[in-house]
């Protein structure tokens, strides 16, 4: 199921999807922050790249402003972003659909991705 990132040469281009998950620092699943749980799942499914980004502010599903405050980061918006092949995207989303008790908003955007430069082994 893994993408061929390790075998991509300079200039090779793959088509796939950018999956972005939107959550808050305080949201948990299986006693862990949702963003951490998503990263661990991606790693276990051999997804070769995922990034966690924190934001200053965001508006949630119920039109409520969420923001990072000086003393309280629990309401801070968090994104998990990954570039995946079409099959990885389908497999990952299906795995999430089967997960009891998980609720997370996501976007799926078609992208091209590749590498630039030579890998050092």
PDB file of N, CA and C in Angstrom:
ATOM      1  N   UNK A   1       0.796  -1.187   0.000  1.00  0.00           N
ATOM      2  CA  UNK A   1       0.000   0.000   0.000  1.00  0.00           C
ATOM      3  C   UNK A   1       0.849   1.265   0.000  1.00  0.00           C
ATOM      4  N   UNK A   2       2.115   1.192   0.205  1.00  0.00           N
ATOM      5  CA  UNK A   2       2.925   2.401   0.318  1.00  0.00           C
ATOM      6  C   UNK A   2       3.132   3.053  -1.034  1.00  0.00           C
ATOM      7  N   UNK A   3       3.269   4.377  -1.018  1.00  0.00           N
ATOM      8  CA  UNK A   3       3.604   5.089  -2.245  1.00  0.00           C
ATOM      9  C   UNK A   3       5.050   4.772  -2.593  1.00  0.00           C
ATOM     10  N   UNK A   4       5.437   5.204  -3.748  1.00  0.00           N
ATOM     11  CA  UNK A   4       6.782   4.916  -4.221  1.00  0.00           C
ATOM     12  C   UNK A   4       7.732   6.082  -3.964  1.00  0.00           C
ATOM     13  N   UNK A   5       7.520   6.836  -2.880  1.00  0.00           N
ATOM     14  CA  UNK A   5       8.361   7.998  -2.592  1.00  0.00           C
ATOM     15  C   UNK A   5       9.824   7.634  -2.540  1.00  0.00           C
ATOM     16  N   UNK A   6      10.131   6.501  -1.935  1.00  0.00           N
ATOM     17  CA  UNK A   6      11.534   6.115  -1.778  1.00  0.00           C
ATOM     18  C   UNK A   6      12.197   5.866  -3.120  1.00  0.00           C
ATOM     19  N   UNK A   7      11.411   5.489  -4.131  1.00  0.00           N
ATOM     20  CA  UNK A   7      11.983   5.190  -5.437  1.00  0.00           C
ATOM     21  C   UNK A   7      11.783   6.317  -6.433  1.00  0.00           C
ATOM     22  N   UNK A   8      11.122   7.400  -6.031  1.00  0.00           N
ATOM     23  CA  UNK A   8      10.955   8.533  -6.935  1.00  0.00           C
ATOM     24  C   UNK A   8      12.314   9.160  -7.226  1.00  0.00           C
ATOM     25  N   UNK A   9      12.520   9.469  -8.485  1.00  0.00           N
ATOM     26  CA  UNK A   9      13.740  10.167  -8.882  1.00  0.00           C
ATOM     27  C   UNK A   9      13.402  11.640  -9.103  1.00  0.00           C
ATOM     28  N   UNK A  10      14.417  12.475  -9.140  1.00  0.00           N
ATOM     29  CA  UNK A  10      14.227  13.905  -9.388  1.00  0.00           C
ATOM     30  C   UNK A  10      13.386  14.093 -10.639  1.00  0.00           C
ATOM     31  N   UNK A  11      12.297  14.830 -10.515  1.00  0.00           N
ATOM     32  CA  UNK A  11      11.442  15.119 -11.650  1.00  0.00           C
ATOM     33  C   UNK A  11      10.271  14.159 -11.816  1.00  0.00           C
ATOM     34  N   UNK A  12      10.287  13.002 -11.139  1.00  0.00           N
ATOM     35  CA  UNK A  12       9.147  12.089 -11.201  1.00  0.00           C
ATOM     36  C   UNK A  12       7.945  12.754 -10.543  1.00  0.00           C
ATOM     37  N   UNK A  13       6.780  12.556 -11.127  1.00  0.00           N
ATOM     38  CA  UNK A  13       5.562  13.157 -10.598  1.00  0.00           C
ATOM     39  C   UNK A  13       4.536  12.070 -10.362  1.00  0.00           C
ATOM     40  N   UNK A  14       3.884  12.121  -9.208  1.00  0.00           N
ATOM     41  CA  UNK A  14       2.784  11.212  -8.900  1.00  0.00           C
ATOM     42  C   UNK A  14       1.512  12.027  -8.760  1.00  0.00           C
ATOM     43  N   UNK A  15       0.405  11.388  -9.046  1.00  0.00           N
ATOM     44  CA  UNK A  15      -0.902  12.006  -8.821  1.00  0.00           C
ATOM     45  C   UNK A  15      -1.529  11.322  -7.620  1.00  0.00           C
ATOM     46  N   UNK A  16      -2.214  12.098  -6.822  1.00  0.00           N
ATOM     47  CA  UNK A  16      -2.847  11.545  -5.632  1.00  0.00           C
ATOM     48  C   UNK A  16      -3.728  12.592  -4.991  1.00  0.00           C
ATOM     49  N   UNK A  17      -3.754  12.580  -3.667  1.00  0.00           N
ATOM     50  CA  UNK A  17      -4.621  13.485  -2.916  1.00  0.00           C
ATOM     51  C   UNK A  17      -3.888  14.079  -1.736  1.00  0.00           C
ATOM     52  N   UNK A  18      -4.275  15.302  -1.396  1.00  0.00           N
ATOM     53  CA  UNK A  18      -3.891  15.878  -0.120  1.00  0.00           C
ATOM     54  C   UNK A  18      -5.088  15.680   0.802  1.00  0.00           C
ATOM     55  N   UNK A  19      -4.877  14.912   1.854  1.00  0.00           N
ATOM     56  CA  UNK A  19      -5.888  14.730   2.889  1.00  0.00           C
ATOM     57  C   UNK A  19      -5.565  15.692   4.008  1.00  0.00           C
ATOM     58  N   UNK A  20      -6.544  16.480   4.402  1.00  0.00           N
ATOM     59  CA  UNK A  20      -6.368  17.404   5.519  1.00  0.00           C
ATOM     60  C   UNK A  20      -7.475  17.153   6.521  1.00  0.00           C
ATOM     61  N   UNK A  21      -7.080  16.905   7.764  1.00  0.00           N
ATOM     62  CA  UNK A  21      -8.026  16.675   8.854  1.00  0.00           C
ATOM     63  C   UNK A  21      -7.972  17.878   9.784  1.00  0.00           C
ATOM     64  N   UNK A  22      -9.148  18.325  10.228  1.00  0.00           N
ATOM     65  CA  UNK A  22      -9.259  19.514  11.071  1.00  0.00           C
ATOM     66  C   UNK A  22      -9.800  19.091  12.430  1.00  0.00           C
ATOM     67  N   UNK A  23      -9.094  19.468  13.481  1.00  0.00           N
ATOM     68  CA  UNK A  23      -9.498  19.082  14.827  1.00  0.00           C
ATOM     69  C   UNK A  23      -9.054  20.174  15.803  1.00  0.00           C
ATOM     70  N   UNK A  24      -9.192  19.917  17.085  1.00  0.00           N
ATOM     71  CA  UNK A  24      -8.732  20.829  18.130  1.00  0.00           C
ATOM     72  C   UNK A  24      -7.773  20.096  19.051  1.00  0.00           C
ATOM     73  N   UNK A  25      -6.912  20.833  19.727  1.00  0.00           N
ATOM     74  CA  UNK A  25      -5.982  20.235  20.683  1.00  0.00           C
ATOM     75  C   UNK A  25      -6.713  19.370  21.704  1.00  0.00           C
ATOM     76  N   UNK A  26      -7.894  19.791  22.104  1.00  0.00           N
ATOM     77  CA  UNK A  26      -8.612  19.111  23.194  1.00  0.00           C
ATOM     78  C   UNK A  26      -9.387  17.873  22.755  1.00  0.00           C
ATOM     79  N   UNK A  27      -9.573  17.673  21.450  1.00  0.00           N
ATOM     80  CA  UNK A  27     -10.336  16.514  20.992  1.00  0.00           C
ATOM     81  C   UNK A  27      -9.489  15.251  21.121  1.00  0.00           C
ATOM     82  N   UNK A  28     -10.095  14.205  21.669  1.00  0.00           N
ATOM     83  CA  UNK A  28      -9.362  12.960  21.882  1.00  0.00           C
ATOM     84  C   UNK A  28     -10.093  11.772  21.258  1.00  0.00           C
ATOM     85  N   UNK A  29      -9.318  10.732  21.008  1.00  0.00           N
ATOM     86  CA  UNK A  29      -9.837   9.437  20.572  1.00  0.00           C
ATOM     87  C   UNK A  29      -8.928   8.378  21.180  1.00  0.00           C
ATOM     88  N   UNK A  30      -9.519   7.417  21.830  1.00  0.00           N
ATOM     89  CA  UNK A  30      -8.763   6.375  22.536  1.00  0.00           C
ATOM     90  C   UNK A  30      -7.745   6.987  23.508  1.00  0.00           C
ATOM     91  N   UNK A  31      -8.165   8.008  24.226  1.00  0.00           N
ATOM     92  CA  UNK A  31      -7.371   8.665  25.278  1.00  0.00           C
ATOM     93  C   UNK A  31      -6.120   9.377  24.753  1.00  0.00           C
ATOM     94  N   UNK A  32      -6.096   9.704  23.456  1.00  0.00           N
ATOM     95  CA  UNK A  32      -4.985  10.456  22.866  1.00  0.00           C
ATOM     96  C   UNK A  32      -5.581  11.597  22.040  1.00  0.00           C
ATOM     97  N   UNK A  33      -4.844  12.684  21.878  1.00  0.00           N
ATOM     98  CA  UNK A  33      -5.329  13.740  20.993  1.00  0.00           C
ATOM     99  C   UNK A  33      -5.603  13.166  19.596  1.00  0.00           C
ATOM    100  N   UNK A  34      -6.689  13.616  18.961  1.00  0.00           N
ATOM    101  CA  UNK A  34      -7.064  13.088  17.643  1.00  0.00           C
ATOM    102  C   UNK A  34      -5.924  13.243  16.648  1.00  0.00           C
ATOM    103  N   UNK A  35      -5.226  14.389  16.664  1.00  0.00           N
ATOM    104  CA  UNK A  35      -4.138  14.574  15.705  1.00  0.00           C
ATOM    105  C   UNK A  35      -3.022  13.552  15.918  1.00  0.00           C
ATOM    106  N   UNK A  36      -2.722  13.238  17.151  1.00  0.00           N
ATOM    107  CA  UNK A  36      -1.699  12.231  17.445  1.00  0.00           C
ATOM    108  C   UNK A  36      -2.183  10.847  16.996  1.00  0.00           C
ATOM    109  N   UNK A  37      -3.442  10.532  17.251  1.00  0.00           N
ATOM    110  CA  UNK A  37      -4.005   9.248  16.841  1.00  0.00           C
ATOM    111  C   UNK A  37      -3.948   9.096  15.318  1.00  0.00           C
ATOM    112  N   UNK A  38      -4.270  10.175  14.577  1.00  0.00           N
ATOM    113  CA  UNK A  38      -4.212  10.132  13.117  1.00  0.00           C
ATOM    114  C   UNK A  38      -2.785   9.904  12.614  1.00  0.00           C
ATOM    115  N   UNK A  39      -1.820  10.576  13.219  1.00  0.00           N
ATOM    116  CA  UNK A  39      -0.413  10.401  12.823  1.00  0.00           C
ATOM    117  C   UNK A  39       0.033   8.960  13.080  1.00  0.00           C
ATOM    118  N   UNK A  40      -0.335   8.419  14.236  1.00  0.00           N
ATOM    119  CA  UNK A  40       0.041   7.041  14.556  1.00  0.00           C
ATOM    120  C   UNK A  40      -0.613   6.054  13.592  1.00  0.00           C
ATOM    121  N   UNK A  41      -1.868   6.309  13.223  1.00  0.00           N
ATOM    122  CA  UNK A  41      -2.537   5.448  12.248  1.00  0.00           C
ATOM    123  C   UNK A  41      -1.839   5.535  10.893  1.00  0.00           C
ATOM    124  N   UNK A  42      -1.509   6.738  10.461  1.00  0.00           N
ATOM    125  CA  UNK A  42      -0.805   6.914   9.185  1.00  0.00           C
ATOM    126  C   UNK A  42       0.502   6.132   9.190  1.00  0.00           C
ATOM    127  N   UNK A  43       1.231   6.211  10.276  1.00  0.00           N
ATOM    128  CA  UNK A  43       2.498   5.478  10.376  1.00  0.00           C
ATOM    129  C   UNK A  43       2.263   3.971  10.318  1.00  0.00           C
ATOM    130  N   UNK A  44       1.247   3.492  11.026  1.00  0.00           N
ATOM    131  CA  UNK A  44       0.971   2.052  11.031  1.00  0.00           C
ATOM    132  C   UNK A  44       0.518   1.554   9.658  1.00  0.00           C
ATOM    133  N   UNK A  45      -0.061   2.444   8.857  1.00  0.00           N
ATOM    134  CA  UNK A  45      -0.500   2.082   7.508  1.00  0.00           C
ATOM    135  C   UNK A  45       0.570   2.389   6.462  1.00  0.00           C
ATOM    136  N   UNK A  46       1.769   2.756   6.930  1.00  0.00           N
ATOM    137  CA  UNK A  46       2.936   3.018   6.090  1.00  0.00           C
ATOM    138  C   UNK A  46       2.745   4.199   5.142  1.00  0.00           C
ATOM    139  N   UNK A  47       1.941   5.182   5.569  1.00  0.00           N
ATOM    140  CA  UNK A  47       1.853   6.448   4.835  1.00  0.00           C
ATOM    141  C   UNK A  47       3.200   7.129   5.035  1.00  0.00           C
ATOM    142  N   UNK A  48       3.792   7.621   3.967  1.00  0.00           N
ATOM    143  CA  UNK A  48       5.170   8.096   4.060  1.00  0.00           C
ATOM    144  C   UNK A  48       5.327   9.573   4.368  1.00  0.00           C
ATOM    145  N   UNK A  49       4.270  10.244   4.689  1.00  0.00           N
ATOM    146  CA  UNK A  49       4.434  11.635   5.069  1.00  0.00           C
ATOM    147  C   UNK A  49       3.150  12.216   5.614  1.00  0.00           C
ATOM    148  N   UNK A  50       3.230  12.782   6.783  1.00  0.00           N
ATOM    149  CA  UNK A  50       2.092  13.474   7.392  1.00  0.00           C
ATOM    150  C   UNK A  50       2.658  14.574   8.281  1.00  0.00           C
ATOM    151  N   UNK A  51       1.965  15.688   8.319  1.00  0.00           N
ATOM    152  CA  UNK A  51       2.431  16.843   9.077  1.00  0.00           C
ATOM    153  C   UNK A  51       1.308  17.368   9.952  1.00  0.00           C
ATOM    154  N   UNK A  52       1.637  17.733  11.182  1.00  0.00           N
ATOM    155  CA  UNK A  52       0.682  18.359  12.093  1.00  0.00           C
ATOM    156  C   UNK A  52       0.988  19.854  12.129  1.00  0.00           C
ATOM    157  N   UNK A  53      -0.050  20.655  11.886  1.00  0.00           N
ATOM    158  CA  UNK A  53       0.080  22.110  11.906  1.00  0.00           C
ATOM    159  C   UNK A  53      -0.895  22.673  12.923  1.00  0.00           C
ATOM    160  N   UNK A  54      -0.444  23.649  13.696  1.00  0.00           N
ATOM    161  CA  UNK A  54      -1.349  24.324  14.621  1.00  0.00           C
ATOM    162  C   UNK A  54      -1.674  25.708  14.067  1.00  0.00           C
ATOM    163  N   UNK A  55      -2.862  26.171  14.379  1.00  0.00           N
ATOM    164  CA  UNK A  55      -3.319  27.470  13.884  1.00  0.00           C
ATOM    165  C   UNK A  55      -3.636  28.385  15.059  1.00  0.00           C
ATOM    166  N   UNK A  56      -3.660  29.672  14.814  1.00  0.00           N
ATOM    167  CA  UNK A  56      -4.012  30.638  15.842  1.00  0.00           C
ATOM    168  C   UNK A  56      -5.514  30.664  16.085  1.00  0.00           C
ATOM    169  N   UNK A  57      -6.287  30.644  14.975  1.00  0.00           N
ATOM    170  CA  UNK A  57      -7.736  30.734  15.106  1.00  0.00           C
ATOM    171  C   UNK A  57      -8.407  29.973  13.978  1.00  0.00           C
ATOM    172  N   UNK A  58      -9.653  29.599  14.212  1.00  0.00           N
ATOM    173  CA  UNK A  58     -10.469  28.963  13.190  1.00  0.00           C
ATOM    174  C   UNK A  58     -11.930  29.002  13.611  1.00  0.00           C
ATOM    175  N   UNK A  59     -12.812  28.839  12.634  1.00  0.00           N
ATOM    176  CA  UNK A  59     -14.242  28.785  12.907  1.00  0.00           C
ATOM    177  C   UNK A  59     -14.690  27.354  12.700  1.00  0.00           C
ATOM    178  N   UNK A  60     -15.348  26.786  13.695  1.00  0.00           N
ATOM    179  CA  UNK A  60     -15.749  25.391  13.656  1.00  0.00           C
ATOM    180  C   UNK A  60     -17.096  25.167  13.007  1.00  0.00           C
ATOM    181  N   UNK A  61     -17.555  23.917  13.068  1.00  0.00           N
ATOM    182  CA  UNK A  61     -18.792  23.488  12.422  1.00  0.00           C
ATOM    183  C   UNK A  61     -20.020  24.238  12.931  1.00  0.00           C
ATOM    184  N   UNK A  62     -19.992  24.685  14.172  1.00  0.00           N
ATOM    185  CA  UNK A  62     -21.135  25.381  14.759  1.00  0.00           C
ATOM    186  C   UNK A  62     -20.933  26.897  14.774  1.00  0.00           C
ATOM    187  N   UNK A  63     -20.055  27.386  13.871  1.00  0.00           N
ATOM    188  CA  UNK A  63     -19.776  28.815  13.697  1.00  0.00           C
ATOM    189  C   UNK A  63     -19.160  29.444  14.942  1.00  0.00           C
ATOM    190  N   UNK A  64     -18.519  28.636  15.750  1.00  0.00           N
ATOM    191  CA  UNK A  64     -17.866  29.110  16.971  1.00  0.00           C
ATOM    192  C   UNK A  64     -16.391  29.376  16.680  1.00  0.00           C
ATOM    193  N   UNK A  65     -15.875  30.480  17.181  1.00  0.00           N
ATOM    194  CA  UNK A  65     -14.471  30.820  17.009  1.00  0.00           C
ATOM    195  C   UNK A  65     -13.632  29.991  17.975  1.00  0.00           C
ATOM    196  N   UNK A  66     -12.643  29.292  17.440  1.00  0.00           N
ATOM    197  CA  UNK A  66     -11.681  28.535  18.256  1.00  0.00           C
ATOM    198  C   UNK A  66     -10.334  29.232  18.120  1.00  0.00           C
ATOM    199  N   UNK A  67      -9.620  29.387  19.239  1.00  0.00           N
ATOM    200  CA  UNK A  67      -8.330  30.055  19.152  1.00  0.00           C
ATOM    201  C   UNK A  67      -7.396  29.600  20.267  1.00  0.00           C
ATOM    202  N   UNK A  68      -6.103  29.805  20.006  1.00  0.00           N
ATOM    203  CA  UNK A  68      -5.074  29.549  21.008  1.00  0.00           C
ATOM    204  C   UNK A  68      -4.976  30.779  21.889  1.00  0.00           C
ATOM    205  N   UNK A  69      -5.107  30.573  23.164  1.00  0.00           N
ATOM    206  CA  UNK A  69      -4.995  31.674  24.115  1.00  0.00           C
ATOM    207  C   UNK A  69      -3.723  31.494  24.926  1.00  0.00           C
ATOM    208  N   UNK A  70      -3.295  32.557  25.525  1.00  0.00           N
ATOM    209  CA  UNK A  70      -2.031  32.533  26.251  1.00  0.00           C
ATOM    210  C   UNK A  70      -1.974  31.423  27.298  1.00  0.00           C
ATOM    211  N   UNK A  71      -3.013  31.262  28.085  1.00  0.00           N
ATOM    212  CA  UNK A  71      -2.995  30.268  29.152  1.00  0.00           C
ATOM    213  C   UNK A  71      -3.713  28.976  28.795  1.00  0.00           C
ATOM    214  N   UNK A  72      -4.434  28.958  27.695  1.00  0.00           N
ATOM    215  CA  UNK A  72      -5.261  27.797  27.369  1.00  0.00           C
ATOM    216  C   UNK A  72      -5.118  27.441  25.893  1.00  0.00           C
ATOM    217  N   UNK A  73      -4.455  26.316  25.609  1.00  0.00           N
ATOM    218  CA  UNK A  73      -4.277  25.886  24.228  1.00  0.00           C
ATOM    219  C   UNK A  73      -5.269  24.795  23.830  1.00  0.00           C
ATOM    220  N   UNK A  74      -6.146  24.368  24.738  1.00  0.00           N
ATOM    221  CA  UNK A  74      -7.059  23.255  24.467  1.00  0.00           C
ATOM    222  C   UNK A  74      -7.965  23.535  23.279  1.00  0.00           C
ATOM    223  N   UNK A  75      -8.296  24.787  23.036  1.00  0.00           N
ATOM    224  CA  UNK A  75      -9.213  25.155  21.959  1.00  0.00           C
ATOM    225  C   UNK A  75      -8.462  25.498  20.668  1.00  0.00           C
ATOM    226  N   UNK A  76      -7.157  25.257  20.639  1.00  0.00           N
ATOM    227  CA  UNK A  76      -6.342  25.611  19.476  1.00  0.00           C
ATOM    228  C   UNK A  76      -6.647  24.685  18.292  1.00  0.00           C
ATOM    229  N   UNK A  77      -6.938  25.257  17.114  1.00  0.00           N
ATOM    230  CA  UNK A  77      -7.165  24.438  15.928  1.00  0.00           C
ATOM    231  C   UNK A  77      -5.889  23.704  15.506  1.00  0.00           C
ATOM    232  N   UNK A  78      -6.061  22.470  15.030  1.00  0.00           N
ATOM    233  CA  UNK A  78      -4.949  21.630  14.586  1.00  0.00           C
ATOM    234  C   UNK A  78      -5.331  20.994  13.254  1.00  0.00           C
ATOM    235  N   UNK A  79      -4.379  20.952  12.319  1.00  0.00           N
ATOM    236  CA  UNK A  79      -4.564  20.271  11.042  1.00  0.00           C
ATOM    237  C   UNK A  79      -3.552  19.139  10.936  1.00  0.00           C
ATOM    238  N   UNK A  80      -3.987  18.021  10.359  1.00  0.00           N
ATOM    239  CA  UNK A  80      -3.091  16.938   9.980  1.00  0.00           C
ATOM    240  C   UNK A  80      -3.174  16.854   8.465  1.00  0.00           C
ATOM    241  N   UNK A  81      -2.040  17.020   7.791  1.00  0.00           N
ATOM    242  CA  UNK A  81      -1.997  17.065   6.333  1.00  0.00           C
ATOM    243  C   UNK A  81      -1.105  15.941   5.831  1.00  0.00           C
ATOM    244  N   UNK A  82      -1.575  15.228   4.789  1.00  0.00           N
ATOM    245  CA  UNK A  82      -0.761  14.183   4.181  1.00  0.00           C
ATOM    246  C   UNK A  82      -0.974  14.143   2.673  1.00  0.00           C
ATOM    247  N   UNK A  83       0.089  13.850   1.943  1.00  0.00           N
ATOM    248  CA  UNK A  83       0.022  13.641   0.493  1.00  0.00           C
ATOM    249  C   UNK A  83       0.073  12.136   0.266  1.00  0.00           C
ATOM    250  N   UNK A  84      -0.983  11.606  -0.379  1.00  0.00           N
ATOM    251  CA  UNK A  84      -1.115  10.150  -0.508  1.00  0.00           C
ATOM    252  C   UNK A  84      -1.547   9.774  -1.920  1.00  0.00           C
ATOM    253  N   UNK A  85      -1.276   8.532  -2.291  1.00  0.00           N
ATOM    254  CA  UNK A  85      -1.767   8.000  -3.565  1.00  0.00           C
ATOM    255  C   UNK A  85      -3.278   7.786  -3.453  1.00  0.00           C
ATOM    256  N   UNK A  86      -3.925   7.554  -4.578  1.00  0.00           N
ATOM    257  CA  UNK A  86      -5.372   7.324  -4.577  1.00  0.00           C
ATOM    258  C   UNK A  86      -5.730   6.107  -3.719  1.00  0.00           C
ATOM    259  N   UNK A  87      -4.963   5.041  -3.826  1.00  0.00           N
ATOM    260  CA  UNK A  87      -5.277   3.833  -3.042  1.00  0.00           C
ATOM    261  C   UNK A  87      -5.036   4.060  -1.552  1.00  0.00           C
ATOM    262  N   UNK A  88      -3.979   4.791  -1.201  1.00  0.00           N
ATOM    263  CA  UNK A  88      -3.736   5.106   0.205  1.00  0.00           C
ATOM    264  C   UNK A  88      -4.862   5.963   0.762  1.00  0.00           C
ATOM    265  N   UNK A  89      -5.327   6.916  -0.027  1.00  0.00           N
ATOM    266  CA  UNK A  89      -6.426   7.787   0.395  1.00  0.00           C
ATOM    267  C   UNK A  89      -7.673   6.958   0.678  1.00  0.00           C
ATOM    268  N   UNK A  90      -8.039   6.103  -0.268  1.00  0.00           N
ATOM    269  CA  UNK A  90      -9.226   5.262  -0.097  1.00  0.00           C
ATOM    270  C   UNK A  90      -9.090   4.352   1.120  1.00  0.00           C
ATOM    271  N   UNK A  91      -7.917   3.734   1.275  1.00  0.00           N
ATOM    272  CA  UNK A  91      -7.697   2.825   2.409  1.00  0.00           C
ATOM    273  C   UNK A  91      -7.756   3.560   3.742  1.00  0.00           C
ATOM    274  N   UNK A  92      -7.149   4.746   3.796  1.00  0.00           N
ATOM    275  CA  UNK A  92      -7.117   5.514   5.041  1.00  0.00           C
ATOM    276  C   UNK A  92      -8.526   5.957   5.433  1.00  0.00           C
ATOM    277  N   UNK A  93      -9.274   6.503   4.465  1.00  0.00           N
ATOM    278  CA  UNK A  93     -10.630   6.958   4.772  1.00  0.00           C
ATOM    279  C   UNK A  93     -11.539   5.790   5.154  1.00  0.00           C
ATOM    280  N   UNK A  94     -11.376   4.659   4.509  1.00  0.00           N
ATOM    281  CA  UNK A  94     -12.178   3.492   4.872  1.00  0.00           C
ATOM    282  C   UNK A  94     -11.856   3.040   6.292  1.00  0.00           C
ATOM    283  N   UNK A  95     -10.577   3.056   6.647  1.00  0.00           N
ATOM    284  CA  UNK A  95     -10.173   2.682   8.015  1.00  0.00           C
ATOM    285  C   UNK A  95     -10.805   3.621   9.036  1.00  0.00           C
ATOM    286  N   UNK A  96     -10.875   4.921   8.721  1.00  0.00           N
ATOM    287  CA  UNK A  96     -11.492   5.885   9.623  1.00  0.00           C
ATOM    288  C   UNK A  96     -12.997   5.649   9.738  1.00  0.00           C
ATOM    289  N   UNK A  97     -13.636   5.315   8.627  1.00  0.00           N
ATOM    290  CA  UNK A  97     -15.077   5.049   8.658  1.00  0.00           C
ATOM    291  C   UNK A  97     -15.418   3.859   9.554  1.00  0.00           C
ATOM    292  N   UNK A  98     -14.512   2.913   9.661  1.00  0.00           N
ATOM    293  CA  UNK A  98     -14.735   1.715  10.464  1.00  0.00           C
ATOM    294  C   UNK A  98     -14.385   1.907  11.938  1.00  0.00           C
ATOM    295  N   UNK A  99     -13.804   3.055  12.283  1.00  0.00           N
ATOM    296  CA  UNK A  99     -13.340   3.304  13.649  1.00  0.00           C
ATOM    297  C   UNK A  99     -14.493   3.767  14.534  1.00  0.00           C
ATOM    298  N   UNK A 100     -14.881   2.946  15.528  1.00  0.00           N
ATOM    299  CA  UNK A 100     -15.987   3.344  16.407  1.00  0.00           C
ATOM    300  C   UNK A 100     -15.638   4.582  17.239  1.00  0.00           C
ATOM    301  N   UNK A 101     -16.582   5.501  17.329  1.00  0.00           N
ATOM    302  CA  UNK A 101     -16.427   6.658  18.201  1.00  0.00           C
ATOM    303  C   UNK A 101     -15.608   7.800  17.638  1.00  0.00           C
ATOM    304  N   UNK A 102     -15.095   7.665  16.413  1.00  0.00           N
ATOM    305  CA  UNK A 102     -14.277   8.730  15.824  1.00  0.00           C
ATOM    306  C   UNK A 102     -15.151   9.644  14.974  1.00  0.00           C
ATOM    307  N   UNK A 103     -14.991  10.948  15.180  1.00  0.00           N
ATOM    308  CA  UNK A 103     -15.650  11.946  14.330  1.00  0.00           C
ATOM    309  C   UNK A 103     -14.625  13.029  14.053  1.00  0.00           C
ATOM    310  N   UNK A 104     -14.313  13.229  12.770  1.00  0.00           N
ATOM    311  CA  UNK A 104     -13.323  14.237  12.388  1.00  0.00           C
ATOM    312  C   UNK A 104     -13.689  14.776  11.007  1.00  0.00           C
ATOM    313  N   UNK A 105     -13.556  16.091  10.840  1.00  0.00           N
ATOM    314  CA  UNK A 105     -13.815  16.741   9.560  1.00  0.00           C
ATOM    315  C   UNK A 105     -12.561  16.639   8.706  1.00  0.00           C
ATOM    316  N   UNK A 106     -12.737  16.421   7.381  1.00  0.00           N
ATOM    317  CA  UNK A 106     -11.584  16.334   6.491  1.00  0.00           C
ATOM    318  C   UNK A 106     -11.898  16.958   5.144  1.00  0.00           C
ATOM    319  N   UNK A 107     -10.841  17.244   4.394  1.00  0.00           N
ATOM    320  CA  UNK A 107     -10.976  17.616   2.986  1.00  0.00           C
ATOM    321  C   UNK A 107     -10.031  16.731   2.178  1.00  0.00           C
ATOM    322  N   UNK A 108     -10.416  16.471   0.946  1.00  0.00           N
ATOM    323  CA  UNK A 108      -9.650  15.609   0.032  1.00  0.00           C
ATOM    324  C   UNK A 108      -9.490  16.386  -1.267  1.00  0.00           C
ATOM    325  N   UNK A 109      -8.240  16.731  -1.610  1.00  0.00           N
ATOM    326  CA  UNK A 109      -7.963  17.573  -2.761  1.00  0.00           C
ATOM    327  C   UNK A 109      -7.013  16.863  -3.723  1.00  0.00           C
ATOM    328  N   UNK A 110      -7.367  16.768  -5.016  1.00  0.00           N
ATOM    329  CA  UNK A 110      -6.440  16.154  -5.980  1.00  0.00           C
ATOM    330  C   UNK A 110      -5.169  16.991  -6.104  1.00  0.00           C
ATOM    331  N   UNK A 111      -4.018  16.309  -6.121  1.00  0.00           N
ATOM    332  CA  UNK A 111      -2.724  17.002  -6.225  1.00  0.00           C
ATOM    333  C   UNK A 111      -1.753  16.193  -7.086  1.00  0.00           C
ATOM    334  N   UNK A 112      -0.700  16.862  -7.522  1.00  0.00           N
ATOM    335  CA  UNK A 112       0.486  16.207  -8.061  1.00  0.00           C
ATOM    336  C   UNK A 112       1.576  16.381  -7.021  1.00  0.00           C
ATOM    337  N   UNK A 113       2.403  15.353  -6.839  1.00  0.00           N
ATOM    338  CA  UNK A 113       3.509  15.493  -5.904  1.00  0.00           C
ATOM    339  C   UNK A 113       4.698  14.693  -6.391  1.00  0.00           C
ATOM    340  N   UNK A 114       5.854  15.042  -5.880  1.00  0.00           N
ATOM    341  CA  UNK A 114       7.088  14.372  -6.273  1.00  0.00           C
ATOM    342  C   UNK A 114       8.232  14.844  -5.404  1.00  0.00           C
ATOM    343  N   UNK A 115       9.416  14.520  -5.829  1.00  0.00           N
ATOM    344  CA  UNK A 115      10.604  14.941  -5.094  1.00  0.00           C
ATOM    345  C   UNK A 115      11.526  15.736  -6.025  1.00  0.00           C
ATOM    346  N   UNK A 116      12.312  16.567  -5.409  1.00  0.00           N
ATOM    347  CA  UNK A 116      13.327  17.326  -6.138  1.00  0.00           C
ATOM    348  C   UNK A 116      14.647  17.058  -5.448  1.00  0.00           C
ATOM    349  N   UNK A 117      15.660  16.748  -6.220  1.00  0.00           N
ATOM    350  CA  UNK A 117      16.970  16.497  -5.658  1.00  0.00           C
ATOM    351  C   UNK A 117      17.277  15.017  -5.519  1.00  0.00           C
ATOM    352  N   UNK A 118      18.458  14.733  -5.057  1.00  0.00           N
ATOM    353  CA  UNK A 118      18.954  13.365  -4.939  1.00  0.00           C
ATOM    354  C   UNK A 118      18.911  12.950  -3.491  1.00  0.00           C
ATOM    355  N   UNK A 119      18.464  11.723  -3.227  1.00  0.00           N
ATOM    356  CA  UNK A 119      18.459  11.231  -1.856  1.00  0.00           C
ATOM    357  C   UNK A 119      19.858  10.779  -1.463  1.00  0.00           C
ATOM    358  N   UNK A 120      20.163  10.979  -0.205  1.00  0.00           N
ATOM    359  CA  UNK A 120      21.439  10.537   0.345  1.00  0.00           C
ATOM    360  C   UNK A 120      21.183   9.306   1.173  1.00  0.00           C
ATOM    361  N   UNK A 121      21.689   8.176   0.754  1.00  0.00           N
ATOM    362  CA  UNK A 121      21.477   6.923   1.484  1.00  0.00           C
ATOM    363  C   UNK A 121      22.597   6.620   2.436  1.00  0.00           C
TER     364      UNK A 121
END
